[in-house]
Protein backbone atom coordinates (compact mmCIF):
# COMPACT_ATOMS: atom_id res chain seq x y z
CA MET A 1 0.02 -0.25 -0.04
CA ILE A 2 1.14 3.49 -0.80
CA ALA A 3 1.60 5.90 2.06
CA GLN A 4 -0.04 8.86 2.62
CA PRO A 5 1.13 11.88 2.40
CA ASP A 6 1.02 13.15 6.54
CA HIS A 7 0.16 16.85 5.47
CA GLN A 8 -3.79 17.73 5.39
CA GLU A 9 -5.38 19.62 2.39
CA VAL A 10 -6.51 22.83 2.04
CA PRO A 11 -10.26 23.20 2.10
CA GLY A 12 -12.11 24.49 -0.90
CA PRO A 13 -14.78 24.02 -3.14
CA PRO A 14 -14.75 22.19 -6.49
CA ASP A 15 -14.49 25.57 -8.72
CA LYS A 16 -13.54 24.88 -12.46
CA ALA A 17 -10.19 25.32 -13.47
CA GLU A 18 -9.43 28.78 -14.67
CA ALA A 19 -6.69 29.75 -17.00
CA ASP A 20 -4.70 31.84 -14.09
CA PRO A 21 -1.47 30.05 -13.33
CA PHE A 22 -1.06 31.77 -9.97
CA THR A 23 -4.35 30.78 -8.82
CA VAL A 24 -4.83 27.58 -6.46
CA HIS A 25 -7.77 25.88 -7.62
CA PRO A 26 -9.63 23.12 -5.98
CA ASP A 27 -10.04 20.53 -8.03
CA ARG A 28 -6.55 21.62 -10.00
CA ASP A 29 -4.24 21.67 -7.88
CA LEU A 30 -5.06 21.42 -3.99
CA THR A 31 -6.46 17.86 -4.59
CA LEU A 32 -3.17 17.12 -6.00
CA GLN A 33 -0.35 19.43 -4.01
CA GLY A 34 -1.98 21.89 -1.89
CA HIS A 35 -0.91 20.03 1.28
CA TYR A 36 -0.18 22.25 4.04
CA ALA A 37 3.79 23.05 5.05
CA GLY A 38 5.06 21.83 7.78
CA PHE A 39 7.17 24.08 10.54
CA ILE A 40 10.57 23.30 9.66
CA THR A 41 9.69 23.88 5.99
CA ARG A 42 8.12 27.20 6.74
CA LEU A 43 10.85 27.83 9.05
CA THR A 44 13.85 26.96 6.55
CA ALA A 45 11.92 29.25 3.80
CA MET A 46 12.01 32.15 6.39
CA VAL A 47 15.86 32.08 6.92
CA ILE A 48 16.45 31.76 3.30
CA ASP A 49 14.25 34.98 2.59
CA ILE A 50 16.34 36.82 5.36
CA VAL A 51 19.42 35.90 4.40
CA ALA A 52 18.49 37.06 0.65
CA ILE A 53 17.01 40.27 2.10
CA VAL A 54 20.47 41.03 4.12
CA LEU A 55 22.61 40.21 0.62
CA ILE A 56 20.30 41.98 -1.43
CA ALA A 57 20.63 45.40 0.47
CA ASP A 58 24.05 45.17 1.33
CA ILE A 59 24.73 44.87 -2.56
CA LEU A 60 22.19 47.36 -3.34
CA GLY A 61 23.60 49.94 -0.90
CA ALA A 62 27.06 49.24 -2.33
CA ALA A 63 26.03 49.92 -5.45
CA ALA A 64 24.14 53.12 -4.44
CA GLN A 65 27.57 54.13 -2.76
CA PHE A 66 29.30 53.55 -5.75
CA LEU A 67 26.90 55.56 -7.92
CA VAL A 68 26.99 58.83 -5.81
CA SER A 69 30.60 58.58 -5.81
CA THR A 70 31.48 58.32 -9.03
CA LEU A 71 28.43 61.52 -9.61
CA THR A 72 30.15 64.22 -6.93
CA GLY A 73 33.77 62.99 -7.22
CA ARG A 74 34.45 61.98 -3.55
CA GLN A 75 33.81 59.07 -1.40
CA PHE A 76 30.37 58.35 -0.17
CA HIS A 77 29.50 55.79 2.48
CA ILE A 78 25.70 55.58 3.10
CA THR A 79 25.86 55.84 7.10
CA GLU A 80 27.06 59.66 6.42
CA VAL A 81 23.11 60.29 6.62
CA PRO A 82 21.21 59.70 9.74
CA PHE A 83 18.74 57.20 10.39
CA LEU A 84 18.72 56.35 5.86
CA PRO A 85 20.53 52.92 5.68
CA TRP A 86 17.42 51.70 8.45
CA ALA A 87 15.13 53.85 6.12
CA LEU A 88 16.21 52.23 2.87
CA PHE A 89 16.29 48.80 4.67
CA THR A 90 12.67 48.97 6.35
CA LEU A 91 11.91 49.76 2.68
CA TRP A 92 13.13 47.00 1.08
CA ALA A 93 12.11 44.70 3.71
CA ILE A 94 8.81 45.28 3.57
CA LEU A 95 8.66 45.30 -0.37
CA TYR A 96 10.80 42.09 -0.47
CA CYS A 97 8.08 40.33 1.96
CA ILE A 98 4.75 41.65 0.54
CA TYR A 99 5.73 42.59 -3.14
CA PRO A 100 6.16 38.78 -4.53
CA VAL A 101 3.31 37.34 -2.16
CA ALA A 102 0.95 39.47 -3.47
CA THR A 103 1.59 39.08 -7.32
CA VAL A 104 2.65 35.40 -7.49
CA GLY A 105 1.82 34.01 -3.69
CA LYS A 106 5.60 33.17 -2.78
CA THR A 107 8.83 34.93 -1.92
CA LEU A 108 12.01 33.86 -2.82
CA GLY A 109 12.58 31.39 0.36
CA MET A 110 9.34 29.66 -0.60
CA THR A 111 9.99 29.25 -4.18
CA ILE A 112 13.05 27.44 -2.92
CA LEU A 113 11.42 25.23 -0.82
CA GLY A 114 8.44 24.61 -2.95
CA LEU A 115 5.75 26.35 -1.13
CA HIS A 116 2.85 28.81 -1.88
CA VAL A 117 0.67 31.34 0.59
CA VAL A 118 -3.08 31.23 -0.64
CA ARG A 119 -6.23 32.46 1.11
CA ALA A 120 -8.00 29.79 3.53
CA ASP A 121 -10.10 28.66 0.78
CA GLY A 122 -7.59 28.16 -1.64
CA SER A 123 -7.70 30.88 -3.98
CA ARG A 124 -5.42 33.30 -4.72
CA VAL A 125 -4.08 35.92 -2.18
CA ALA A 126 -4.41 39.67 -2.85
CA GLY A 127 -1.99 42.87 -2.30
CA ARG A 128 -4.83 43.20 1.01
CA GLY A 129 -4.01 40.07 2.20
CA ALA A 130 -0.13 40.23 2.22
CA VAL A 131 -0.33 43.61 3.67
CA LEU A 132 -2.24 42.31 6.44
CA ARG A 133 -0.37 39.07 6.58
CA PHE A 134 3.09 40.87 6.99
CA VAL A 135 1.77 43.48 9.50
CA ALA A 136 -0.12 40.39 11.33
CA LEU A 137 4.12 38.69 11.55
CA PRO A 138 5.50 40.88 14.45
CA LEU A 139 2.46 39.87 16.68
CA SER A 140 3.91 35.91 16.29
CA PHE A 141 7.53 37.39 17.35
CA LEU A 142 5.65 39.42 20.65
CA THR A 143 3.73 36.79 21.83
CA LEU A 144 7.37 34.89 22.68
CA GLY A 145 6.81 32.65 19.90
CA ILE A 146 3.67 31.24 20.11
CA GLY A 147 2.18 32.52 16.94
CA PHE A 148 4.84 30.37 14.95
CA LEU A 149 4.06 27.25 17.67
CA LEU A 150 0.16 27.65 16.02
CA ILE A 151 1.95 25.66 12.99
CA LEU A 152 2.32 22.57 15.12
CA VAL A 153 -0.93 22.19 16.85
CA ARG A 154 -3.15 23.08 14.59
CA ARG A 155 -4.33 20.58 11.82
CA ASP A 156 -3.63 23.61 8.94
CA HIS A 157 -0.41 24.54 10.38
CA ARG A 158 -1.54 27.80 10.31
CA ALA A 159 0.81 30.51 12.11
CA LEU A 160 -1.22 33.31 14.06
CA GLN A 161 0.05 35.47 10.92
CA ASP A 162 -2.06 33.26 8.51
CA LEU A 163 -5.19 32.93 11.01
CA ILE A 164 -5.29 37.37 10.68
CA ALA A 165 -5.17 37.35 7.32
CA GLY A 166 -7.05 34.68 6.66
CA THR A 167 -4.26 33.00 4.59
CA ALA A 168 -2.50 29.57 4.57
CA VAL A 169 1.04 28.13 3.49
CA VAL A 170 1.17 24.84 1.18
CA TYR A 171 3.19 22.96 -1.04
CA ALA A 172 3.13 23.71 -4.51
CA TRP A 173 5.42 20.98 -6.02
CA ASP A 174 5.10 20.00 -9.61
CA ALA A 175 1.76 18.49 -10.06
CA ARG A 176 2.38 15.75 -11.75
CA ALA A 177 4.09 14.09 -8.93
CA ALA A 178 1.74 14.97 -6.69
CA ARG A 179 -0.69 13.40 -9.20
CA VAL A 180 0.92 9.52 -8.86
CA ARG A 181 0.14 9.97 -5.27
CA PHE A 182 -3.22 11.07 -5.89
CA LEU A 183 -4.53 8.77 -8.07
CA ALA A 184 -3.03 6.29 -5.68
CA SER A 185 -4.77 7.11 -3.00
CA ARG A 186 -7.92 7.51 -5.68
CA ARG A 187 -7.32 3.39 -6.81
CA ASP A 188 -7.43 2.53 -2.81
CA ARG A 189 -10.19 4.20 -1.78
CA GLU A 190 -12.13 2.14 -4.81
CA SER A 191 -10.60 -0.86 -4.13
CA ALA A 192 -11.71 -0.39 -0.19
CA ALA A 193 -15.35 0.86 -1.72
CA ALA A 194 -15.55 -2.54 -3.53
CA GLY A 195 -14.17 -4.65 -1.10
CA VAL A 196 -10.62 -5.49 -2.76
CA PRO A 197 -7.68 -5.27 -0.42
CA PRO A 198 -5.38 -2.19 -1.37
CA SER A 199 -1.84 -3.18 -3.31
């Protein structure tokens, strides 16, 4: 008998799949690959995102310093302007966390780990949901990490920011591989209904 995935599936109404590659449709995707993402996978994706934010910020900062130094003819360091480095870094971090989720449903870290942010009903996350999810993220830290521990205790693995924003994080690997598992699962269910022992 083929083992079933440990992850729960995101519930959603069986709507007809549309031609939008970024929308997760219950009858096209969620029944195949939309299992809720676990704690370790989500934590790893977050670490990748933090590293990416810092590295890209350093690269952009160095490029800006070089450009200003070249145009002005004197050595310029971004730290010469009070609060500018922190302001720019904050704006960059906000843009990094919100824009990709609002447009394609995932950040760089999520893409590498095969994760996708959707609404709780499986539909696409809009800009409002992405913003609300980011704004609520600090609450998971301010609650001494309890907001993140909800991922471990809830069947749908939703953190505090997901509950507030009405979102969920699911696996989004290639549907073809997931389809094999789905077909095997359906075959076993049909065999059980017919009274035939599963292979």
